[in-house]
Amino acid sequence: MTTSRARAANEPSDFRKIYRPFPPYPTLKCVGQPLFRNQYARDYACILDLDPEVISWKCMPAAIVNDSNAARPRWWHVDFAVETSTEALLVDIWQTTTGGPTWLPRVAERMGYRLQNLSLHEIDPILLQNAKDLMRYVGSEVPLGDRVRVLAALDEIGSLTFAESLSVIRESMPMHSIVALIISGILEVDLSLALLGPDSVVRRASK
């Protein structure tokens, strides 16, 4: 497998013309520069950041080239290289149900990855919206007093609604603090059940 920047018509396009930053700009598990092909890819990266099975992910601005001996080898851009607790993936996100070229899974395997073609139609829209909403609060800090208050309340009654958890905060901005505790893995909420709202159930994260 080889990667290359464009120098001729049959070579991979210059990644600077394809990949660029998209909002929201903060990330949690990204290795290297967060540069994306489009907003759809950037939105999906929010899910990667909040998936407990994902250890790290990185954008793939350099093209993957078919390692055949053809005079004009084919090339392809994918979105992410993802390391999970069980495997390494190359993720190629599509706006349709169509997949990439037939040679790509073989080349991905030689690189040590399993190719995952992912259509936008397969992504849970509720999970996606919740992930995007939470990631906008990356970087918020929670004072010790507020963290202790929330955990003490959960230890006493087991769970709180989102609205109830906000009312426990005293020293900081309530939404920023509760979301920061969710993002950091101290609290948990079901991101696939429904769009986050006042009745969403908040618990201590499972150990």
N, C-alpha and C. Protein backbone atom coordinates (compact mmCIF):
# COMPACT_ATOMS: atom_id res chain seq x y z
N MET A 1 0.84 -1.19 0.00
CA MET A 1 0.00 0.00 0.00
C MET A 1 0.87 1.23 0.00
N THR A 2 0.50 2.21 -0.83
CA THR A 2 1.21 3.48 -0.85
C THR A 2 0.20 4.60 -0.79
N THR A 3 0.64 5.74 -0.28
CA THR A 3 -0.18 6.95 -0.30
C THR A 3 0.62 8.03 -0.98
N SER A 4 -0.09 9.02 -1.54
CA SER A 4 0.61 10.04 -2.28
C SER A 4 -0.24 11.27 -2.41
N ARG A 5 0.41 12.42 -2.57
CA ARG A 5 -0.29 13.65 -2.94
C ARG A 5 -0.23 13.80 -4.46
N ALA A 6 -1.16 14.59 -4.98
CA ALA A 6 -1.28 14.71 -6.43
C ALA A 6 -0.06 15.39 -7.04
N ARG A 7 0.44 14.76 -8.08
CA ARG A 7 1.50 15.38 -8.87
C ARG A 7 1.20 15.25 -10.35
N ALA A 8 0.23 14.39 -10.68
CA ALA A 8 -0.14 14.20 -12.09
C ALA A 8 -1.62 13.87 -12.13
N ALA A 9 -2.18 13.84 -13.34
CA ALA A 9 -3.61 13.68 -13.48
C ALA A 9 -4.11 12.35 -12.93
N ASN A 10 -3.27 11.30 -12.98
CA ASN A 10 -3.71 9.99 -12.54
C ASN A 10 -3.33 9.70 -11.09
N GLU A 11 -2.80 10.70 -10.38
CA GLU A 11 -2.40 10.52 -9.01
C GLU A 11 -3.46 11.10 -8.07
N PRO A 12 -3.44 10.71 -6.79
CA PRO A 12 -4.45 11.19 -5.85
C PRO A 12 -4.49 12.70 -5.74
N SER A 13 -5.70 13.22 -5.56
CA SER A 13 -5.87 14.66 -5.45
C SER A 13 -5.21 15.19 -4.18
N ASP A 14 -4.81 16.45 -4.22
CA ASP A 14 -4.21 17.11 -3.07
C ASP A 14 -5.25 17.16 -1.95
N PHE A 15 -4.93 16.58 -0.78
CA PHE A 15 -5.90 16.49 0.30
C PHE A 15 -6.36 17.85 0.78
N ARG A 16 -5.53 18.91 0.58
CA ARG A 16 -5.92 20.23 1.06
C ARG A 16 -7.12 20.77 0.31
N LYS A 17 -7.40 20.22 -0.88
CA LYS A 17 -8.57 20.65 -1.64
C LYS A 17 -9.79 19.80 -1.31
N ILE A 18 -9.61 18.74 -0.56
CA ILE A 18 -10.69 17.81 -0.26
C ILE A 18 -11.08 17.87 1.21
N TYR A 19 -10.10 17.87 2.09
CA TYR A 19 -10.32 17.79 3.52
C TYR A 19 -10.11 19.15 4.18
N ARG A 20 -11.02 19.50 5.10
CA ARG A 20 -10.89 20.76 5.83
C ARG A 20 -11.66 20.65 7.14
N PRO A 21 -11.48 21.59 8.07
CA PRO A 21 -12.23 21.55 9.33
C PRO A 21 -13.71 21.85 9.11
N PHE A 22 -14.54 21.21 9.92
CA PHE A 22 -15.97 21.49 9.97
C PHE A 22 -16.39 21.57 11.44
N PRO A 23 -17.41 22.35 11.76
CA PRO A 23 -17.89 22.41 13.15
C PRO A 23 -18.71 21.16 13.51
N PRO A 24 -18.78 20.84 14.80
CA PRO A 24 -18.09 21.46 15.93
C PRO A 24 -16.60 21.13 15.91
N TYR A 25 -15.77 22.07 16.29
CA TYR A 25 -14.33 21.92 16.12
C TYR A 25 -13.63 21.10 17.21
N PRO A 26 -14.10 21.08 18.47
CA PRO A 26 -13.41 20.26 19.48
C PRO A 26 -13.59 18.77 19.21
N THR A 27 -12.59 17.98 19.57
CA THR A 27 -12.68 16.53 19.49
C THR A 27 -12.15 15.94 20.80
N LEU A 28 -12.39 14.64 21.00
CA LEU A 28 -11.93 13.97 22.20
C LEU A 28 -10.88 12.90 21.91
N LYS A 29 -11.09 12.11 20.88
CA LYS A 29 -10.23 10.95 20.64
C LYS A 29 -9.49 11.03 19.31
N CYS A 30 -9.52 12.18 18.68
CA CYS A 30 -8.87 12.33 17.38
C CYS A 30 -7.36 12.36 17.53
N VAL A 31 -6.67 11.61 16.68
CA VAL A 31 -5.22 11.63 16.60
C VAL A 31 -4.84 12.40 15.34
N GLY A 32 -4.06 13.45 15.48
CA GLY A 32 -3.70 14.27 14.33
C GLY A 32 -4.72 15.36 14.07
N GLN A 33 -4.64 15.95 12.88
CA GLN A 33 -5.53 17.07 12.54
C GLN A 33 -6.94 16.59 12.23
N PRO A 34 -7.97 17.26 12.75
CA PRO A 34 -9.35 16.91 12.42
C PRO A 34 -9.78 17.57 11.11
N LEU A 35 -9.48 16.92 10.00
CA LEU A 35 -9.81 17.42 8.68
C LEU A 35 -10.77 16.43 8.02
N PHE A 36 -11.87 16.94 7.44
CA PHE A 36 -12.93 16.06 6.98
C PHE A 36 -13.29 16.37 5.52
N ARG A 37 -13.84 15.34 4.85
CA ARG A 37 -14.27 15.54 3.47
C ARG A 37 -15.53 16.40 3.39
N ASN A 38 -16.39 16.28 4.38
CA ASN A 38 -17.65 17.02 4.36
C ASN A 38 -18.24 17.07 5.76
N GLN A 39 -19.35 17.77 5.91
CA GLN A 39 -19.99 17.91 7.21
C GLN A 39 -20.52 16.57 7.72
N TYR A 40 -20.94 15.70 6.79
CA TYR A 40 -21.46 14.40 7.20
C TYR A 40 -20.40 13.60 7.96
N ALA A 41 -19.18 13.60 7.44
CA ALA A 41 -18.10 12.88 8.10
C ALA A 41 -17.80 13.50 9.45
N ARG A 42 -17.79 14.83 9.51
CA ARG A 42 -17.50 15.48 10.78
C ARG A 42 -18.58 15.12 11.83
N ASP A 43 -19.86 15.09 11.39
CA ASP A 43 -20.93 14.74 12.31
C ASP A 43 -20.75 13.31 12.85
N TYR A 44 -20.38 12.38 11.98
CA TYR A 44 -20.19 11.00 12.42
C TYR A 44 -19.05 10.89 13.41
N ALA A 45 -18.04 11.73 13.27
CA ALA A 45 -16.92 11.71 14.21
C ALA A 45 -17.37 12.02 15.63
N CYS A 46 -18.47 12.75 15.78
CA CYS A 46 -19.02 13.00 17.12
C CYS A 46 -19.43 11.69 17.77
N ILE A 47 -20.00 10.77 16.99
CA ILE A 47 -20.36 9.46 17.51
C ILE A 47 -19.12 8.69 17.91
N LEU A 48 -18.08 8.75 17.07
CA LEU A 48 -16.84 8.05 17.40
C LEU A 48 -16.27 8.55 18.72
N ASP A 49 -16.32 9.85 18.94
CA ASP A 49 -15.76 10.42 20.17
C ASP A 49 -16.50 9.94 21.42
N LEU A 50 -17.79 9.66 21.31
CA LEU A 50 -18.59 9.29 22.47
C LEU A 50 -18.81 7.78 22.59
N ASP A 51 -18.34 7.01 21.62
CA ASP A 51 -18.49 5.55 21.66
C ASP A 51 -17.47 4.97 22.63
N PRO A 52 -17.89 4.32 23.71
CA PRO A 52 -16.92 3.78 24.67
C PRO A 52 -16.03 2.69 24.10
N GLU A 53 -16.44 2.06 22.99
CA GLU A 53 -15.63 1.02 22.38
C GLU A 53 -14.49 1.60 21.52
N VAL A 54 -14.60 2.88 21.17
CA VAL A 54 -13.58 3.52 20.33
C VAL A 54 -12.47 4.06 21.21
N ILE A 55 -11.25 3.62 20.91
CA ILE A 55 -10.07 4.09 21.64
C ILE A 55 -9.55 5.38 21.01
N SER A 56 -9.44 5.40 19.71
CA SER A 56 -8.97 6.59 18.99
C SER A 56 -9.43 6.52 17.55
N TRP A 57 -9.41 7.67 16.89
CA TRP A 57 -9.70 7.73 15.46
C TRP A 57 -8.86 8.83 14.84
N LYS A 58 -8.63 8.72 13.55
CA LYS A 58 -7.91 9.76 12.84
C LYS A 58 -8.49 9.91 11.45
N CYS A 59 -8.42 11.12 10.93
CA CYS A 59 -8.85 11.38 9.57
C CYS A 59 -7.82 10.83 8.59
N MET A 60 -8.29 10.52 7.39
CA MET A 60 -7.42 9.91 6.38
C MET A 60 -7.35 10.79 5.14
N PRO A 61 -6.64 11.92 5.22
CA PRO A 61 -6.59 12.83 4.06
C PRO A 61 -5.77 12.30 2.90
N ALA A 62 -4.80 11.42 3.15
CA ALA A 62 -4.01 10.86 2.05
C ALA A 62 -4.78 9.72 1.41
N ALA A 63 -4.78 9.68 0.09
CA ALA A 63 -5.53 8.66 -0.63
C ALA A 63 -4.91 7.28 -0.43
N ILE A 64 -5.76 6.28 -0.47
CA ILE A 64 -5.31 4.88 -0.49
C ILE A 64 -5.21 4.45 -1.94
N VAL A 65 -4.09 3.87 -2.30
CA VAL A 65 -3.82 3.52 -3.68
C VAL A 65 -3.84 2.00 -3.83
N ASN A 66 -4.50 1.54 -4.88
CA ASN A 66 -4.51 0.11 -5.18
C ASN A 66 -3.07 -0.35 -5.44
N ASP A 67 -2.62 -1.34 -4.67
CA ASP A 67 -1.22 -1.75 -4.77
C ASP A 67 -1.00 -2.77 -5.88
N SER A 68 -1.66 -2.58 -7.00
CA SER A 68 -1.45 -3.45 -8.14
C SER A 68 -0.26 -2.92 -8.95
N ASN A 69 0.12 -3.65 -9.95
CA ASN A 69 1.24 -3.23 -10.80
C ASN A 69 0.75 -2.52 -12.06
N ALA A 70 -0.48 -2.03 -12.01
CA ALA A 70 -1.03 -1.35 -13.17
C ALA A 70 -0.25 -0.07 -13.46
N ALA A 71 -0.19 0.30 -14.75
CA ALA A 71 0.53 1.51 -15.14
C ALA A 71 -0.12 2.75 -14.53
N ARG A 72 -1.44 2.71 -14.38
CA ARG A 72 -2.16 3.82 -13.78
C ARG A 72 -3.01 3.28 -12.63
N PRO A 73 -2.44 3.05 -11.48
CA PRO A 73 -3.18 2.46 -10.35
C PRO A 73 -4.32 3.36 -9.89
N ARG A 74 -5.40 2.73 -9.46
CA ARG A 74 -6.55 3.46 -8.96
C ARG A 74 -6.30 3.91 -7.53
N TRP A 75 -7.00 4.97 -7.10
CA TRP A 75 -6.88 5.46 -5.73
C TRP A 75 -8.25 5.83 -5.20
N TRP A 76 -8.32 5.93 -3.87
CA TRP A 76 -9.62 6.17 -3.22
C TRP A 76 -9.39 6.88 -1.89
N HIS A 77 -10.31 7.78 -1.55
CA HIS A 77 -10.28 8.45 -0.25
C HIS A 77 -11.31 7.83 0.68
N VAL A 78 -10.90 7.50 1.89
CA VAL A 78 -11.83 7.08 2.94
C VAL A 78 -11.84 8.16 4.02
N ASP A 79 -12.72 8.01 5.00
CA ASP A 79 -12.88 9.07 6.00
C ASP A 79 -12.02 8.88 7.25
N PHE A 80 -12.05 7.67 7.83
CA PHE A 80 -11.41 7.49 9.13
C PHE A 80 -10.66 6.18 9.23
N ALA A 81 -9.60 6.20 10.03
CA ALA A 81 -9.01 4.99 10.58
C ALA A 81 -9.39 4.98 12.05
N VAL A 82 -10.03 3.90 12.50
CA VAL A 82 -10.58 3.84 13.85
C VAL A 82 -10.01 2.64 14.59
N GLU A 83 -9.52 2.88 15.79
CA GLU A 83 -9.07 1.79 16.65
C GLU A 83 -10.12 1.59 17.74
N THR A 84 -10.69 0.38 17.79
CA THR A 84 -11.64 0.04 18.84
C THR A 84 -11.00 -0.94 19.80
N SER A 85 -11.75 -1.36 20.79
CA SER A 85 -11.22 -2.31 21.77
C SER A 85 -11.05 -3.70 21.18
N THR A 86 -11.62 -3.95 19.99
CA THR A 86 -11.56 -5.29 19.40
C THR A 86 -10.95 -5.35 18.01
N GLU A 87 -10.91 -4.23 17.28
CA GLU A 87 -10.40 -4.29 15.91
C GLU A 87 -10.02 -2.90 15.41
N ALA A 88 -9.36 -2.89 14.24
CA ALA A 88 -9.00 -1.64 13.57
C ALA A 88 -9.83 -1.53 12.29
N LEU A 89 -10.41 -0.37 12.07
CA LEU A 89 -11.33 -0.17 10.94
C LEU A 89 -10.88 0.98 10.05
N LEU A 90 -11.14 0.84 8.76
CA LEU A 90 -11.16 1.98 7.84
C LEU A 90 -12.62 2.25 7.55
N VAL A 91 -13.08 3.45 7.85
CA VAL A 91 -14.50 3.79 7.71
C VAL A 91 -14.68 4.72 6.52
N ASP A 92 -15.54 4.29 5.60
CA ASP A 92 -15.84 5.07 4.40
C ASP A 92 -17.32 5.41 4.44
N ILE A 93 -17.64 6.69 4.62
CA ILE A 93 -19.02 7.12 4.78
C ILE A 93 -19.59 7.58 3.44
N TRP A 94 -20.76 7.03 3.13
CA TRP A 94 -21.43 7.35 1.87
C TRP A 94 -22.73 8.08 2.11
N GLN A 95 -23.09 8.96 1.18
CA GLN A 95 -24.38 9.63 1.24
C GLN A 95 -25.46 8.79 0.59
N THR A 96 -25.07 7.69 -0.07
CA THR A 96 -26.00 6.75 -0.69
C THR A 96 -25.72 5.37 -0.13
N THR A 97 -26.35 4.35 -0.68
CA THR A 97 -26.10 2.98 -0.26
C THR A 97 -24.99 2.32 -1.07
N THR A 98 -24.39 3.04 -1.99
CA THR A 98 -23.33 2.50 -2.83
C THR A 98 -22.03 2.41 -2.05
N GLY A 99 -21.27 1.35 -2.29
CA GLY A 99 -19.98 1.19 -1.63
C GLY A 99 -18.84 1.67 -2.51
N GLY A 100 -17.61 1.45 -2.03
CA GLY A 100 -16.43 1.87 -2.76
C GLY A 100 -15.99 0.82 -3.77
N PRO A 101 -14.78 0.95 -4.31
CA PRO A 101 -14.29 0.01 -5.30
C PRO A 101 -14.06 -1.38 -4.72
N THR A 102 -14.12 -2.39 -5.57
CA THR A 102 -14.02 -3.78 -5.12
C THR A 102 -12.65 -4.12 -4.57
N TRP A 103 -11.61 -3.38 -4.97
CA TRP A 103 -10.27 -3.70 -4.48
C TRP A 103 -9.99 -3.13 -3.09
N LEU A 104 -10.83 -2.22 -2.62
CA LEU A 104 -10.53 -1.51 -1.38
C LEU A 104 -10.50 -2.43 -0.14
N PRO A 105 -11.43 -3.39 0.02
CA PRO A 105 -11.34 -4.26 1.21
C PRO A 105 -10.03 -5.04 1.27
N ARG A 106 -9.56 -5.50 0.12
CA ARG A 106 -8.30 -6.26 0.09
C ARG A 106 -7.12 -5.40 0.52
N VAL A 107 -7.07 -4.17 0.01
CA VAL A 107 -5.97 -3.28 0.37
C VAL A 107 -6.06 -2.89 1.85
N ALA A 108 -7.28 -2.65 2.31
CA ALA A 108 -7.46 -2.32 3.73
C ALA A 108 -6.95 -3.46 4.61
N GLU A 109 -7.24 -4.69 4.23
CA GLU A 109 -6.79 -5.85 5.01
C GLU A 109 -5.28 -5.92 5.05
N ARG A 110 -4.64 -5.63 3.94
CA ARG A 110 -3.18 -5.64 3.91
C ARG A 110 -2.59 -4.54 4.79
N MET A 111 -3.34 -3.48 4.99
CA MET A 111 -2.91 -2.40 5.87
C MET A 111 -3.16 -2.71 7.35
N GLY A 112 -3.89 -3.81 7.61
CA GLY A 112 -4.20 -4.18 8.98
C GLY A 112 -5.56 -3.70 9.46
N TYR A 113 -6.45 -3.37 8.52
CA TYR A 113 -7.77 -2.86 8.86
C TYR A 113 -8.87 -3.72 8.24
N ARG A 114 -10.05 -3.62 8.83
CA ARG A 114 -11.26 -4.12 8.18
C ARG A 114 -12.00 -2.91 7.63
N LEU A 115 -12.38 -2.98 6.35
CA LEU A 115 -13.11 -1.87 5.74
C LEU A 115 -14.56 -1.89 6.19
N GLN A 116 -15.05 -0.73 6.59
CA GLN A 116 -16.46 -0.58 6.96
C GLN A 116 -17.07 0.50 6.08
N ASN A 117 -17.86 0.09 5.08
CA ASN A 117 -18.62 1.03 4.27
C ASN A 117 -19.89 1.38 5.04
N LEU A 118 -20.12 2.67 5.24
CA LEU A 118 -21.24 3.10 6.07
C LEU A 118 -22.06 4.14 5.33
N SER A 119 -23.30 3.79 5.03
CA SER A 119 -24.22 4.73 4.40
C SER A 119 -24.83 5.65 5.44
N LEU A 120 -25.06 6.89 5.07
CA LEU A 120 -25.73 7.82 5.98
C LEU A 120 -27.09 7.29 6.42
N HIS A 121 -27.71 6.48 5.56
CA HIS A 121 -29.03 5.94 5.89
C HIS A 121 -28.95 4.92 7.02
N GLU A 122 -27.74 4.41 7.32
CA GLU A 122 -27.57 3.42 8.38
C GLU A 122 -27.29 4.06 9.73
N ILE A 123 -27.01 5.34 9.76
CA ILE A 123 -26.66 6.02 11.00
C ILE A 123 -27.92 6.45 11.73
N ASP A 124 -28.03 6.05 12.98
CA ASP A 124 -29.19 6.40 13.81
C ASP A 124 -29.26 7.93 13.93
N PRO A 125 -30.32 8.56 13.40
CA PRO A 125 -30.40 10.03 13.45
C PRO A 125 -30.51 10.57 14.86
N ILE A 126 -31.13 9.81 15.77
CA ILE A 126 -31.25 10.27 17.16
C ILE A 126 -29.88 10.26 17.82
N LEU A 127 -29.16 9.16 17.66
CA LEU A 127 -27.81 9.07 18.21
C LEU A 127 -26.92 10.16 17.65
N LEU A 128 -27.03 10.40 16.35
CA LEU A 128 -26.20 11.40 15.69
C LEU A 128 -26.48 12.79 16.25
N GLN A 129 -27.75 13.16 16.38
CA GLN A 129 -28.08 14.49 16.88
C GLN A 129 -27.65 14.67 18.32
N ASN A 130 -27.86 13.64 19.15
CA ASN A 130 -27.44 13.73 20.55
C ASN A 130 -25.93 13.87 20.66
N ALA A 131 -25.20 13.12 19.86
CA ALA A 131 -23.74 13.21 19.89
C ALA A 131 -23.28 14.60 19.48
N LYS A 132 -23.87 15.15 18.43
CA LYS A 132 -23.52 16.50 17.99
C LYS A 132 -23.81 17.52 19.08
N ASP A 133 -24.96 17.39 19.73
CA ASP A 133 -25.33 18.33 20.78
C ASP A 133 -24.35 18.29 21.95
N LEU A 134 -23.95 17.09 22.36
CA LEU A 134 -23.04 16.96 23.50
C LEU A 134 -21.65 17.48 23.17
N MET A 135 -21.18 17.21 21.95
CA MET A 135 -19.81 17.58 21.60
C MET A 135 -19.58 19.09 21.58
N ARG A 136 -20.64 19.86 21.51
CA ARG A 136 -20.49 21.31 21.54
C ARG A 136 -20.03 21.82 22.91
N TYR A 137 -20.09 20.95 23.92
CA TYR A 137 -19.71 21.36 25.27
C TYR A 137 -18.32 20.84 25.67
N VAL A 138 -17.60 20.26 24.72
CA VAL A 138 -16.25 19.76 25.02
C VAL A 138 -15.39 20.92 25.52
N GLY A 139 -14.64 20.68 26.59
CA GLY A 139 -13.78 21.70 27.16
C GLY A 139 -14.34 22.32 28.42
N SER A 140 -15.62 22.05 28.72
CA SER A 140 -16.21 22.59 29.95
C SER A 140 -15.63 21.87 31.16
N GLU A 141 -15.40 22.61 32.24
CA GLU A 141 -14.87 22.05 33.47
C GLU A 141 -15.94 22.06 34.55
N VAL A 142 -15.88 21.04 35.42
CA VAL A 142 -16.86 20.90 36.49
C VAL A 142 -16.18 21.11 37.83
N PRO A 143 -16.61 22.09 38.62
CA PRO A 143 -16.04 22.26 39.96
C PRO A 143 -16.25 21.01 40.81
N LEU A 144 -15.33 20.77 41.72
CA LEU A 144 -15.42 19.60 42.59
C LEU A 144 -16.74 19.58 43.35
N GLY A 145 -17.16 20.73 43.85
CA GLY A 145 -18.39 20.77 44.63
C GLY A 145 -19.59 20.29 43.83
N ASP A 146 -19.71 20.72 42.58
CA ASP A 146 -20.84 20.31 41.76
C ASP A 146 -20.77 18.83 41.42
N ARG A 147 -19.57 18.33 41.15
CA ARG A 147 -19.43 16.90 40.85
C ARG A 147 -19.85 16.05 42.05
N VAL A 148 -19.43 16.47 43.25
CA VAL A 148 -19.80 15.74 44.46
C VAL A 148 -21.31 15.78 44.69
N ARG A 149 -21.92 16.93 44.46
CA ARG A 149 -23.36 17.06 44.67
C ARG A 149 -24.14 16.11 43.74
N VAL A 150 -23.75 16.09 42.47
CA VAL A 150 -24.46 15.23 41.52
C VAL A 150 -24.29 13.76 41.88
N LEU A 151 -23.06 13.34 42.17
CA LEU A 151 -22.82 11.94 42.49
C LEU A 151 -23.50 11.53 43.80
N ALA A 152 -23.52 12.43 44.77
CA ALA A 152 -24.19 12.14 46.03
C ALA A 152 -25.69 11.95 45.81
N ALA A 153 -26.29 12.79 44.97
CA ALA A 153 -27.71 12.67 44.67
C ALA A 153 -28.00 11.35 43.96
N LEU A 154 -27.14 10.95 43.04
CA LEU A 154 -27.33 9.68 42.33
C LEU A 154 -27.13 8.49 43.26
N ASP A 155 -26.18 8.59 44.17
CA ASP A 155 -25.97 7.50 45.13
C ASP A 155 -27.19 7.32 46.03
N GLU A 156 -27.89 8.42 46.28
CA GLU A 156 -29.04 8.36 47.18
C GLU A 156 -30.28 7.81 46.51
N ILE A 157 -30.55 8.23 45.26
CA ILE A 157 -31.81 7.82 44.63
C ILE A 157 -31.63 7.01 43.35
N GLY A 158 -30.41 6.79 42.92
CA GLY A 158 -30.16 5.90 41.78
C GLY A 158 -30.13 6.57 40.43
N SER A 159 -31.03 7.48 40.15
CA SER A 159 -31.06 8.18 38.86
C SER A 159 -31.76 9.52 39.03
N LEU A 160 -31.49 10.40 38.07
CA LEU A 160 -32.14 11.71 38.01
C LEU A 160 -32.60 11.95 36.59
N THR A 161 -33.63 12.75 36.43
CA THR A 161 -33.92 13.23 35.09
C THR A 161 -32.88 14.29 34.73
N PHE A 162 -32.77 14.58 33.48
CA PHE A 162 -31.82 15.61 33.05
C PHE A 162 -32.14 16.93 33.76
N ALA A 163 -33.42 17.27 33.82
CA ALA A 163 -33.81 18.52 34.47
C ALA A 163 -33.44 18.52 35.95
N GLU A 164 -33.64 17.39 36.62
CA GLU A 164 -33.29 17.30 38.03
C GLU A 164 -31.78 17.42 38.24
N SER A 165 -31.01 16.82 37.35
CA SER A 165 -29.55 16.90 37.49
C SER A 165 -29.06 18.33 37.33
N LEU A 166 -29.69 19.09 36.45
CA LEU A 166 -29.30 20.49 36.27
C LEU A 166 -29.56 21.29 37.54
N SER A 167 -30.62 20.95 38.26
CA SER A 167 -30.98 21.71 39.46
C SER A 167 -30.03 21.46 40.61
N VAL A 168 -29.21 20.41 40.52
CA VAL A 168 -28.26 20.09 41.59
C VAL A 168 -27.02 21.00 41.51
N ILE A 169 -26.72 21.50 40.31
CA ILE A 169 -25.51 22.30 40.10
C ILE A 169 -25.65 23.65 40.80
N ARG A 170 -24.60 24.06 41.52
CA ARG A 170 -24.63 25.31 42.26
C ARG A 170 -23.50 26.27 41.88
N GLU A 171 -22.35 25.75 41.53
CA GLU A 171 -21.16 26.58 41.37
C GLU A 171 -20.81 26.92 39.92
N SER A 172 -21.48 26.32 38.96
CA SER A 172 -21.09 26.49 37.56
C SER A 172 -22.33 26.52 36.67
N MET A 173 -22.11 26.58 35.37
CA MET A 173 -23.22 26.58 34.41
C MET A 173 -23.79 25.16 34.35
N PRO A 174 -25.06 24.97 34.71
CA PRO A 174 -25.62 23.62 34.86
C PRO A 174 -25.48 22.73 33.62
N MET A 175 -25.89 23.21 32.44
CA MET A 175 -25.83 22.37 31.25
C MET A 175 -24.39 22.00 30.92
N HIS A 176 -23.49 22.96 30.99
CA HIS A 176 -22.09 22.69 30.69
C HIS A 176 -21.53 21.61 31.63
N SER A 177 -21.87 21.69 32.90
CA SER A 177 -21.31 20.75 33.87
C SER A 177 -21.87 19.35 33.70
N ILE A 178 -23.18 19.22 33.54
CA ILE A 178 -23.76 17.89 33.39
C ILE A 178 -23.27 17.23 32.11
N VAL A 179 -23.23 17.97 31.02
CA VAL A 179 -22.73 17.39 29.76
C VAL A 179 -21.26 17.02 29.89
N ALA A 180 -20.48 17.85 30.56
CA ALA A 180 -19.06 17.53 30.75
C ALA A 180 -18.90 16.23 31.53
N LEU A 181 -19.75 15.99 32.52
CA LEU A 181 -19.69 14.74 33.28
C LEU A 181 -20.11 13.54 32.43
N ILE A 182 -21.02 13.75 31.50
CA ILE A 182 -21.41 12.68 30.57
C ILE A 182 -20.26 12.39 29.59
N ILE A 183 -19.70 13.43 29.02
CA ILE A 183 -18.62 13.26 28.04
C ILE A 183 -17.41 12.58 28.68
N SER A 184 -17.13 12.91 29.93
CA SER A 184 -15.96 12.35 30.60
C SER A 184 -16.18 10.93 31.08
N GLY A 185 -17.41 10.42 30.97
CA GLY A 185 -17.69 9.05 31.37
C GLY A 185 -18.05 8.88 32.82
N ILE A 186 -18.26 9.96 33.54
CA ILE A 186 -18.66 9.87 34.95
C ILE A 186 -20.16 9.60 35.06
N LEU A 187 -20.93 10.23 34.18
CA LEU A 187 -22.37 9.99 34.10
C LEU A 187 -22.69 9.34 32.76
N GLU A 188 -23.85 8.70 32.68
CA GLU A 188 -24.27 8.13 31.41
C GLU A 188 -25.75 8.41 31.16
N VAL A 189 -26.08 8.50 29.89
CA VAL A 189 -27.45 8.70 29.45
C VAL A 189 -27.60 7.97 28.13
N ASP A 190 -28.76 7.40 27.87
CA ASP A 190 -28.99 6.64 26.65
C ASP A 190 -29.13 7.61 25.47
N LEU A 191 -28.15 7.58 24.58
CA LEU A 191 -28.13 8.52 23.46
C LEU A 191 -28.96 8.03 22.27
N SER A 192 -29.40 6.78 22.30
CA SER A 192 -30.16 6.22 21.18
C SER A 192 -31.65 6.14 21.46
N LEU A 193 -32.06 6.34 22.71
CA LEU A 193 -33.46 6.16 23.07
C LEU A 193 -34.35 7.26 22.50
N ALA A 194 -33.95 8.50 22.69
CA ALA A 194 -34.72 9.66 22.23
C ALA A 194 -33.81 10.87 22.27
N LEU A 195 -34.24 11.94 21.63
CA LEU A 195 -33.47 13.17 21.72
C LEU A 195 -33.40 13.61 23.17
N LEU A 196 -32.23 14.06 23.60
CA LEU A 196 -32.05 14.46 24.98
C LEU A 196 -33.01 15.59 25.35
N GLY A 197 -33.64 15.44 26.51
CA GLY A 197 -34.60 16.43 26.96
C GLY A 197 -34.71 16.40 28.46
N PRO A 198 -35.64 17.14 29.04
CA PRO A 198 -35.75 17.25 30.50
C PRO A 198 -36.02 15.92 31.19
N ASP A 199 -36.66 14.97 30.48
CA ASP A 199 -37.01 13.69 31.11
C ASP A 199 -35.99 12.59 30.85
N SER A 200 -34.93 12.88 30.11
CA SER A 200 -33.90 11.87 29.88
C SER A 200 -33.30 11.44 31.21
N VAL A 201 -33.04 10.15 31.35
CA VAL A 201 -32.56 9.59 32.62
C VAL A 201 -31.04 9.63 32.67
N VAL A 202 -30.52 10.19 33.76
CA VAL A 202 -29.08 10.31 33.98
C VAL A 202 -28.70 9.40 35.13
N ARG A 203 -27.63 8.62 34.94
CA ARG A 203 -27.15 7.70 35.98
C ARG A 203 -25.64 7.81 36.10
N ARG A 204 -25.12 7.22 37.18
CA ARG A 204 -23.68 7.02 37.26
C ARG A 204 -23.27 6.07 36.14
N ALA A 205 -22.14 6.32 35.53
CA ALA A 205 -21.67 5.44 34.46
C ALA A 205 -21.30 4.08 35.05
N SER A 206 -21.56 3.03 34.26
CA SER A 206 -21.20 1.68 34.68
C SER A 206 -19.69 1.54 34.74
N LYS A 207 -19.20 0.86 35.74
CA LYS A 207 -17.76 0.67 35.90
C LYS A 207 -17.29 -0.53 35.11
